[in-house]
Amino acid sequence: MECCGVLGGSCHALGVQLHRMSTLDLFEDMPPAEEAGQSTIAPGAMLLHGFSLACDAELLQAIEEVLKQAPLRHMVTPGGFTMSVAMSNCGGLGWVSDSSGYRYSERDPLSGQAWPTMPVCCLELAQRAAAQSGYQEFQPTACLINEYVPGAKLSLHQDKDELNFSAPIVSMSLGLPATFLFGTTQRKDRPKRHRLNHGDVVVWGGPSRLAYHGVAPLADGVHPILGHRRLNLTFRCVG
């Protein structure tokens, strides 16, 4: 049982049940997620539970249009490794990686064209999430779109290619639940594990702006809308 496309139809209830069983062990050592509201996960870092649920259909439709113009692709690290997460971008700048290094570019290296415009619904939701977390007047110039499939992960890293650390990072989760790893500004410190569900948004800045973070290997499962996938939108101010 698999839902195809960003806006695929609903899956059979049995598939959802199997997904819950397959992810039980992965999340059993974490406290249960709140149904609504917000949690402080570190100084200056907030987890907004279900913040984007009310407009998830609009978000997914907007993302689908972006990906028609700038398809997902697996970028290569400067060290020559292919990333397990597929990526694309929208906004004035897009994050890219190749043998030359990590950087932001005004153009999609695959097409040579400017990245698609950041959808208004995505921008406004990111701004509302930032304001809810205490960061007013958030004006992101880049939105990185990540697609995770079972087994895909993101190693611990700092977001430091932006050069502007005064603005927060806003990260939206859609699709399968994920284990978000969030540490401190010291790589040696063990990160805490947080379950991110469909519709959750994480905002971090201030003393946590350069915190190490990542995503554990995605567990298999079936989401009613996105099937065997998770999409993540990360908004940043660059420059």
C-alpha atoms as a PDB file:
ATOM      1  CA  MET A   1       0.000   0.000   0.000  1.00  0.00           C
ATOM      2  CA  GLU A   2       1.605   3.242  -1.099  1.00  0.00           C
ATOM      3  CA  CYS A   3       0.350   6.757  -1.746  1.00  0.00           C
ATOM      4  CA  CYS A   4       1.818   8.220  -4.904  1.00  0.00           C
ATOM      5  CA  GLY A   5       2.613  11.894  -5.476  1.00  0.00           C
ATOM      6  CA  VAL A   6       2.778  14.782  -3.053  1.00  0.00           C
ATOM      7  CA  LEU A   7      -1.034  14.919  -2.893  1.00  0.00           C
ATOM      8  CA  GLY A   8      -1.787  11.185  -3.119  1.00  0.00           C
ATOM      9  CA  GLY A   9      -5.090   9.745  -1.845  1.00  0.00           C
ATOM     10  CA  SER A  10      -5.770   8.352   1.641  1.00  0.00           C
ATOM     11  CA  CYS A  11      -4.272   4.974   2.578  1.00  0.00           C
ATOM     12  CA  HIS A  12      -6.160   2.037   4.048  1.00  0.00           C
ATOM     13  CA  ALA A  13      -6.425   2.065   7.865  1.00  0.00           C
ATOM     14  CA  LEU A  14      -4.418  -1.160   8.071  1.00  0.00           C
ATOM     15  CA  GLY A  15      -1.418   0.588   6.504  1.00  0.00           C
ATOM     16  CA  VAL A  16      -1.555   3.310   9.132  1.00  0.00           C
ATOM     17  CA  GLN A  17      -1.750   0.681  11.869  1.00  0.00           C
ATOM     18  CA  LEU A  18       1.297  -1.153  10.498  1.00  0.00           C
ATOM     19  CA  HIS A  19       3.187   2.136  10.349  1.00  0.00           C
ATOM     20  CA  ARG A  20       2.452   2.794  14.013  1.00  0.00           C
ATOM     21  CA  MET A  21       3.701  -0.675  14.938  1.00  0.00           C
ATOM     22  CA  SER A  22       6.892  -0.283  12.885  1.00  0.00           C
ATOM     23  CA  THR A  23       7.845   2.976  14.562  1.00  0.00           C
ATOM     24  CA  LEU A  24       6.972   1.986  18.151  1.00  0.00           C
ATOM     25  CA  ASP A  25      10.459   0.803  19.096  1.00  0.00           C
ATOM     26  CA  LEU A  26      12.116   3.857  17.545  1.00  0.00           C
ATOM     27  CA  PHE A  27      10.184   6.315  19.698  1.00  0.00           C
ATOM     28  CA  GLU A  28       9.637   4.316  22.896  1.00  0.00           C
ATOM     29  CA  ASP A  29      12.397   6.141  24.812  1.00  0.00           C
ATOM     30  CA  MET A  30      10.973   9.579  24.041  1.00  0.00           C
ATOM     31  CA  PRO A  31       8.161  11.304  25.937  1.00  0.00           C
ATOM     32  CA  PRO A  32       4.808  11.348  24.097  1.00  0.00           C
ATOM     33  CA  ALA A  33       4.352  14.352  21.832  1.00  0.00           C
ATOM     34  CA  GLU A  34       1.828  16.969  22.849  1.00  0.00           C
ATOM     35  CA  GLU A  35      -1.328  17.184  20.776  1.00  0.00           C
ATOM     36  CA  ALA A  36      -1.152  20.974  20.629  1.00  0.00           C
ATOM     37  CA  GLY A  37       0.785  23.899  22.034  1.00  0.00           C
ATOM     38  CA  GLN A  38       4.521  24.298  22.187  1.00  0.00           C
ATOM     39  CA  SER A  39       7.571  23.036  24.024  1.00  0.00           C
ATOM     40  CA  THR A  40      10.921  24.645  24.747  1.00  0.00           C
ATOM     41  CA  ILE A  41      13.594  22.190  23.624  1.00  0.00           C
ATOM     42  CA  ALA A  42      16.632  24.413  24.329  1.00  0.00           C
ATOM     43  CA  PRO A  43      17.314  28.076  25.109  1.00  0.00           C
ATOM     44  CA  GLY A  44      15.893  30.007  22.166  1.00  0.00           C
ATOM     45  CA  ALA A  45      14.487  26.840  20.529  1.00  0.00           C
ATOM     46  CA  MET A  46      10.793  25.940  20.356  1.00  0.00           C
ATOM     47  CA  LEU A  47       8.811  22.978  19.063  1.00  0.00           C
ATOM     48  CA  LEU A  48       5.371  24.090  17.876  1.00  0.00           C
ATOM     49  CA  HIS A  49       3.156  21.016  17.869  1.00  0.00           C
ATOM     50  CA  GLY A  50       0.821  20.729  14.875  1.00  0.00           C
ATOM     51  CA  PHE A  51       1.416  24.353  13.918  1.00  0.00           C
ATOM     52  CA  SER A  52       0.928  23.834  10.167  1.00  0.00           C
ATOM     53  CA  LEU A  53      -1.871  21.253  10.255  1.00  0.00           C
ATOM     54  CA  ALA A  54      -4.594  23.754   9.376  1.00  0.00           C
ATOM     55  CA  CYS A  55      -2.931  24.583   6.052  1.00  0.00           C
ATOM     56  CA  ASP A  56      -1.040  21.381   5.184  1.00  0.00           C
ATOM     57  CA  ALA A  57      -3.003  20.816   1.961  1.00  0.00           C
ATOM     58  CA  GLU A  58      -2.163  24.318   0.737  1.00  0.00           C
ATOM     59  CA  LEU A  59       1.493  23.841   1.666  1.00  0.00           C
ATOM     60  CA  LEU A  60       1.750  20.514  -0.150  1.00  0.00           C
ATOM     61  CA  GLN A  61       0.118  21.881  -3.283  1.00  0.00           C
ATOM     62  CA  ALA A  62       2.539  24.814  -3.279  1.00  0.00           C
ATOM     63  CA  ILE A  63       5.518  22.473  -2.806  1.00  0.00           C
ATOM     64  CA  GLU A  64       4.333  20.283  -5.655  1.00  0.00           C
ATOM     65  CA  GLU A  65       4.348  23.300  -7.986  1.00  0.00           C
ATOM     66  CA  VAL A  66       7.861  24.238  -6.863  1.00  0.00           C
ATOM     67  CA  LEU A  67       9.151  20.718  -7.509  1.00  0.00           C
ATOM     68  CA  LYS A  68       7.735  20.723 -11.036  1.00  0.00           C
ATOM     69  CA  GLN A  69      10.115  23.606 -11.766  1.00  0.00           C
ATOM     70  CA  ALA A  70      13.073  22.453  -9.655  1.00  0.00           C
ATOM     71  CA  PRO A  71      12.910  18.665  -9.180  1.00  0.00           C
ATOM     72  CA  LEU A  72      14.338  16.928  -6.156  1.00  0.00           C
ATOM     73  CA  ARG A  73      17.870  15.629  -6.546  1.00  0.00           C
ATOM     74  CA  HIS A  74      20.546  13.920  -4.419  1.00  0.00           C
ATOM     75  CA  MET A  75      23.414  16.355  -4.009  1.00  0.00           C
ATOM     76  CA  VAL A  76      27.029  15.316  -3.554  1.00  0.00           C
ATOM     77  CA  THR A  77      29.155  16.446  -0.616  1.00  0.00           C
ATOM     78  CA  PRO A  78      32.582  18.084  -1.150  1.00  0.00           C
ATOM     79  CA  GLY A  79      34.036  14.727  -0.081  1.00  0.00           C
ATOM     80  CA  GLY A  80      32.278  12.922  -2.914  1.00  0.00           C
ATOM     81  CA  PHE A  81      29.478  11.231  -0.954  1.00  0.00           C
ATOM     82  CA  THR A  82      25.928  11.251  -2.310  1.00  0.00           C
ATOM     83  CA  MET A  83      23.415  12.484   0.262  1.00  0.00           C
ATOM     84  CA  SER A  84      20.609  10.092   1.221  1.00  0.00           C
ATOM     85  CA  VAL A  85      18.169  13.018   1.435  1.00  0.00           C
ATOM     86  CA  ALA A  86      16.837  14.414  -1.866  1.00  0.00           C
ATOM     87  CA  MET A  87      16.764  18.216  -2.020  1.00  0.00           C
ATOM     88  CA  SER A  88      15.481  21.256  -3.876  1.00  0.00           C
ATOM     89  CA  ASN A  89      14.991  24.943  -3.108  1.00  0.00           C
ATOM     90  CA  CYS A  90      12.751  27.938  -3.564  1.00  0.00           C
ATOM     91  CA  GLY A  91      13.279  31.611  -2.826  1.00  0.00           C
ATOM     92  CA  GLY A  92      15.928  34.098  -3.862  1.00  0.00           C
ATOM     93  CA  LEU A  93      18.738  31.732  -2.905  1.00  0.00           C
ATOM     94  CA  GLY A  94      19.113  27.964  -2.804  1.00  0.00           C
ATOM     95  CA  TRP A  95      21.494  25.786  -0.804  1.00  0.00           C
ATOM     96  CA  VAL A  96      23.681  23.563  -2.961  1.00  0.00           C
ATOM     97  CA  SER A  97      26.547  21.144  -2.459  1.00  0.00           C
ATOM     98  CA  ASP A  98      29.097  19.681  -4.868  1.00  0.00           C
ATOM     99  CA  SER A  99      32.835  19.113  -5.133  1.00  0.00           C
ATOM    100  CA  SER A 100      33.354  22.870  -4.798  1.00  0.00           C
ATOM    101  CA  GLY A 101      31.767  22.982  -1.345  1.00  0.00           C
ATOM    102  CA  TYR A 102      28.601  24.042   0.443  1.00  0.00           C
ATOM    103  CA  ARG A 103      27.095  27.381  -0.563  1.00  0.00           C
ATOM    104  CA  TYR A 104      24.018  29.348  -1.576  1.00  0.00           C
ATOM    105  CA  SER A 105      23.338  30.029  -5.229  1.00  0.00           C
ATOM    106  CA  GLU A 106      20.871  32.284  -7.040  1.00  0.00           C
ATOM    107  CA  ARG A 107      20.393  29.633  -9.746  1.00  0.00           C
ATOM    108  CA  ASP A 108      19.517  25.977  -9.888  1.00  0.00           C
ATOM    109  CA  PRO A 109      22.670  24.220 -11.141  1.00  0.00           C
ATOM    110  CA  LEU A 110      20.562  21.645 -13.004  1.00  0.00           C
ATOM    111  CA  SER A 111      18.583  24.115 -15.106  1.00  0.00           C
ATOM    112  CA  GLY A 112      20.657  27.270 -14.909  1.00  0.00           C
ATOM    113  CA  GLN A 113      17.449  29.117 -14.058  1.00  0.00           C
ATOM    114  CA  ALA A 114      16.569  31.093 -10.949  1.00  0.00           C
ATOM    115  CA  TRP A 115      15.026  29.025  -8.168  1.00  0.00           C
ATOM    116  CA  PRO A 116      11.203  29.089  -8.049  1.00  0.00           C
ATOM    117  CA  THR A 117       9.633  31.890  -6.054  1.00  0.00           C
ATOM    118  CA  MET A 118       8.947  31.028  -2.427  1.00  0.00           C
ATOM    119  CA  PRO A 119       5.187  30.366  -2.141  1.00  0.00           C
ATOM    120  CA  VAL A 120       3.346  33.004  -0.141  1.00  0.00           C
ATOM    121  CA  CYS A 121       1.630  30.407   2.055  1.00  0.00           C
ATOM    122  CA  CYS A 122       5.005  28.913   3.026  1.00  0.00           C
ATOM    123  CA  LEU A 123       6.568  32.311   3.720  1.00  0.00           C
ATOM    124  CA  GLU A 124       3.664  33.512   5.839  1.00  0.00           C
ATOM    125  CA  LEU A 125       3.549  30.312   7.892  1.00  0.00           C
ATOM    126  CA  ALA A 126       7.291  30.514   8.551  1.00  0.00           C
ATOM    127  CA  GLN A 127       6.901  34.110   9.684  1.00  0.00           C
ATOM    128  CA  ARG A 128       4.017  33.237  12.005  1.00  0.00           C
ATOM    129  CA  ALA A 129       6.000  30.361  13.515  1.00  0.00           C
ATOM    130  CA  ALA A 130       9.001  32.623  14.092  1.00  0.00           C
ATOM    131  CA  ALA A 131       6.828  35.289  15.727  1.00  0.00           C
ATOM    132  CA  GLN A 132       5.135  32.653  17.911  1.00  0.00           C
ATOM    133  CA  SER A 133       8.619  31.647  19.113  1.00  0.00           C
ATOM    134  CA  GLY A 134       9.669  35.208  19.913  1.00  0.00           C
ATOM    135  CA  TYR A 135      11.425  36.132  16.665  1.00  0.00           C
ATOM    136  CA  GLN A 136       9.677  39.090  15.052  1.00  0.00           C
ATOM    137  CA  GLU A 137      10.133  40.369  11.494  1.00  0.00           C
ATOM    138  CA  PHE A 138      11.567  37.119  10.139  1.00  0.00           C
ATOM    139  CA  GLN A 139      12.346  37.583   6.436  1.00  0.00           C
ATOM    140  CA  PRO A 140      13.728  34.318   5.008  1.00  0.00           C
ATOM    141  CA  THR A 141      15.467  34.457   1.652  1.00  0.00           C
ATOM    142  CA  ALA A 142      15.931  30.703   1.203  1.00  0.00           C
ATOM    143  CA  CYS A 143      13.746  27.625   1.665  1.00  0.00           C
ATOM    144  CA  LEU A 144      15.421  24.218   1.434  1.00  0.00           C
ATOM    145  CA  ILE A 145      13.065  21.323   0.623  1.00  0.00           C
ATOM    146  CA  ASN A 146      14.235  17.912   1.837  1.00  0.00           C
ATOM    147  CA  GLU A 147      12.616  14.572   1.008  1.00  0.00           C
ATOM    148  CA  TYR A 148      13.297  11.612   3.303  1.00  0.00           C
ATOM    149  CA  VAL A 149      12.462   8.012   2.488  1.00  0.00           C
ATOM    150  CA  PRO A 150      12.954   5.101   4.930  1.00  0.00           C
ATOM    151  CA  GLY A 151      16.605   4.882   5.900  1.00  0.00           C
ATOM    152  CA  ALA A 152      17.482   8.438   4.868  1.00  0.00           C
ATOM    153  CA  LYS A 153      19.136  10.560   7.527  1.00  0.00           C
ATOM    154  CA  LEU A 154      20.886  13.854   8.126  1.00  0.00           C
ATOM    155  CA  SER A 155      24.120  13.787  10.101  1.00  0.00           C
ATOM    156  CA  LEU A 156      24.723  16.196  12.961  1.00  0.00           C
ATOM    157  CA  HIS A 157      25.752  19.606  11.612  1.00  0.00           C
ATOM    158  CA  GLN A 158      25.527  23.341  12.204  1.00  0.00           C
ATOM    159  CA  ASP A 159      23.719  25.745   9.881  1.00  0.00           C
ATOM    160  CA  LYS A 160      26.568  28.173   9.338  1.00  0.00           C
ATOM    161  CA  ASP A 161      26.636  28.825   5.577  1.00  0.00           C
ATOM    162  CA  GLU A 162      24.187  31.733   5.970  1.00  0.00           C
ATOM    163  CA  LEU A 163      26.645  34.264   7.513  1.00  0.00           C
ATOM    164  CA  ASN A 164      23.631  35.895   9.206  1.00  0.00           C
ATOM    165  CA  PHE A 165      23.165  34.317  12.606  1.00  0.00           C
ATOM    166  CA  SER A 166      20.855  36.985  14.042  1.00  0.00           C
ATOM    167  CA  ALA A 167      17.773  35.426  12.418  1.00  0.00           C
ATOM    168  CA  PRO A 168      16.337  32.050  13.490  1.00  0.00           C
ATOM    169  CA  ILE A 169      15.924  28.829  11.538  1.00  0.00           C
ATOM    170  CA  VAL A 170      12.348  27.658  10.902  1.00  0.00           C
ATOM    171  CA  SER A 171      11.831  23.978  10.025  1.00  0.00           C
ATOM    172  CA  MET A 172       8.461  22.399   9.055  1.00  0.00           C
ATOM    173  CA  SER A 173       7.734  18.659   9.048  1.00  0.00           C
ATOM    174  CA  LEU A 174       5.221  16.924   6.768  1.00  0.00           C
ATOM    175  CA  GLY A 175       4.575  13.221   6.283  1.00  0.00           C
ATOM    176  CA  LEU A 176       6.141  10.360   8.241  1.00  0.00           C
ATOM    177  CA  PRO A 177       7.280  11.065  11.815  1.00  0.00           C
ATOM    178  CA  ALA A 178      10.997  11.621  12.341  1.00  0.00           C
ATOM    179  CA  THR A 179      13.475  11.604  15.202  1.00  0.00           C
ATOM    180  CA  PHE A 180      14.988  15.089  15.363  1.00  0.00           C
ATOM    181  CA  LEU A 181      18.361  15.289  17.090  1.00  0.00           C
ATOM    182  CA  PHE A 182      19.058  18.634  18.742  1.00  0.00           C
ATOM    183  CA  GLY A 183      22.208  19.326  20.701  1.00  0.00           C
ATOM    184  CA  THR A 184      24.260  22.318  21.742  1.00  0.00           C
ATOM    185  CA  THR A 185      26.902  24.444  20.063  1.00  0.00           C
ATOM    186  CA  GLN A 186      29.459  21.819  21.156  1.00  0.00           C
ATOM    187  CA  ARG A 187      29.640  18.743  18.927  1.00  0.00           C
ATOM    188  CA  LYS A 188      30.821  16.583  21.827  1.00  0.00           C
ATOM    189  CA  ASP A 189      27.541  17.072  23.706  1.00  0.00           C
ATOM    190  CA  ARG A 190      25.009  14.312  23.175  1.00  0.00           C
ATOM    191  CA  PRO A 191      21.915  15.616  21.358  1.00  0.00           C
ATOM    192  CA  LYS A 192      18.406  15.137  22.700  1.00  0.00           C
ATOM    193  CA  ARG A 193      15.830  13.230  20.673  1.00  0.00           C
ATOM    194  CA  HIS A 194      12.501  14.781  19.724  1.00  0.00           C
ATOM    195  CA  ARG A 195       9.686  13.182  17.753  1.00  0.00           C
ATOM    196  CA  LEU A 196       8.455  15.366  14.907  1.00  0.00           C
ATOM    197  CA  ASN A 197       4.994  14.588  13.577  1.00  0.00           C
ATOM    198  CA  HIS A 198       3.173  15.794  10.473  1.00  0.00           C
ATOM    199  CA  GLY A 199       2.459  19.502  10.964  1.00  0.00           C
ATOM    200  CA  ASP A 200       5.118  20.170  13.620  1.00  0.00           C
ATOM    201  CA  VAL A 201       7.405  23.186  13.282  1.00  0.00           C
ATOM    202  CA  VAL A 202      10.744  23.744  15.049  1.00  0.00           C
ATOM    203  CA  VAL A 203      12.206  27.236  15.452  1.00  0.00           C
ATOM    204  CA  TRP A 204      15.667  27.870  16.853  1.00  0.00           C
ATOM    205  CA  GLY A 205      17.802  30.975  17.181  1.00  0.00           C
ATOM    206  CA  GLY A 206      19.584  33.146  19.716  1.00  0.00           C
ATOM    207  CA  PRO A 207      21.821  30.979  21.944  1.00  0.00           C
ATOM    208  CA  SER A 208      20.803  27.872  19.976  1.00  0.00           C
ATOM    209  CA  ARG A 209      21.250  29.314  16.488  1.00  0.00           C
ATOM    210  CA  LEU A 210      24.442  27.298  15.899  1.00  0.00           C
ATOM    211  CA  ALA A 211      23.343  24.187  17.767  1.00  0.00           C
ATOM    212  CA  TYR A 212      24.288  20.868  16.201  1.00  0.00           C
ATOM    213  CA  HIS A 213      21.230  19.061  14.864  1.00  0.00           C
ATOM    214  CA  GLY A 214      20.282  16.225  12.552  1.00  0.00           C
ATOM    215  CA  VAL A 215      17.702  13.574  11.728  1.00  0.00           C
ATOM    216  CA  ALA A 216      18.018   9.889  12.643  1.00  0.00           C
ATOM    217  CA  PRO A 217      17.397   7.299   9.891  1.00  0.00           C
ATOM    218  CA  LEU A 218      13.741   7.522   8.937  1.00  0.00           C
ATOM    219  CA  ALA A 219      11.669   4.531  10.016  1.00  0.00           C
ATOM    220  CA  ASP A 220       9.443   2.876   7.432  1.00  0.00           C
ATOM    221  CA  GLY A 221       5.724   3.508   7.568  1.00  0.00           C
ATOM    222  CA  VAL A 222       2.760   4.826   5.618  1.00  0.00           C
ATOM    223  CA  HIS A 223       1.485   8.374   5.968  1.00  0.00           C
ATOM    224  CA  PRO A 224      -2.110   8.940   4.772  1.00  0.00           C
ATOM    225  CA  ILE A 225      -1.050  11.763   2.440  1.00  0.00           C
ATOM    226  CA  LEU A 226       2.646  11.334   1.660  1.00  0.00           C
ATOM    227  CA  GLY A 227       2.934   7.559   1.794  1.00  0.00           C
ATOM    228  CA  HIS A 228       6.464   6.313   2.571  1.00  0.00           C
ATOM    229  CA  ARG A 229       7.961   9.795   2.729  1.00  0.00           C
ATOM    230  CA  ARG A 230       8.686  12.800   4.870  1.00  0.00           C
ATOM    231  CA  LEU A 231       9.069  16.331   3.530  1.00  0.00           C
ATOM    232  CA  ASN A 232      10.889  19.028   5.449  1.00  0.00           C
ATOM    233  CA  LEU A 233      10.946  22.759   4.659  1.00  0.00           C
ATOM    234  CA  THR A 234      13.729  24.787   6.253  1.00  0.00           C
ATOM    235  CA  PHE A 235      13.625  28.588   6.051  1.00  0.00           C
ATOM    236  CA  ARG A 236      16.742  30.702   6.535  1.00  0.00           C
ATOM    237  CA  CYS A 237      17.932  34.277   6.195  1.00  0.00           C
ATOM    238  CA  VAL A 238      21.102  34.343   4.110  1.00  0.00           C
ATOM    239  CA  GLY A 239      23.665  37.145   4.094  1.00  0.00           C
END
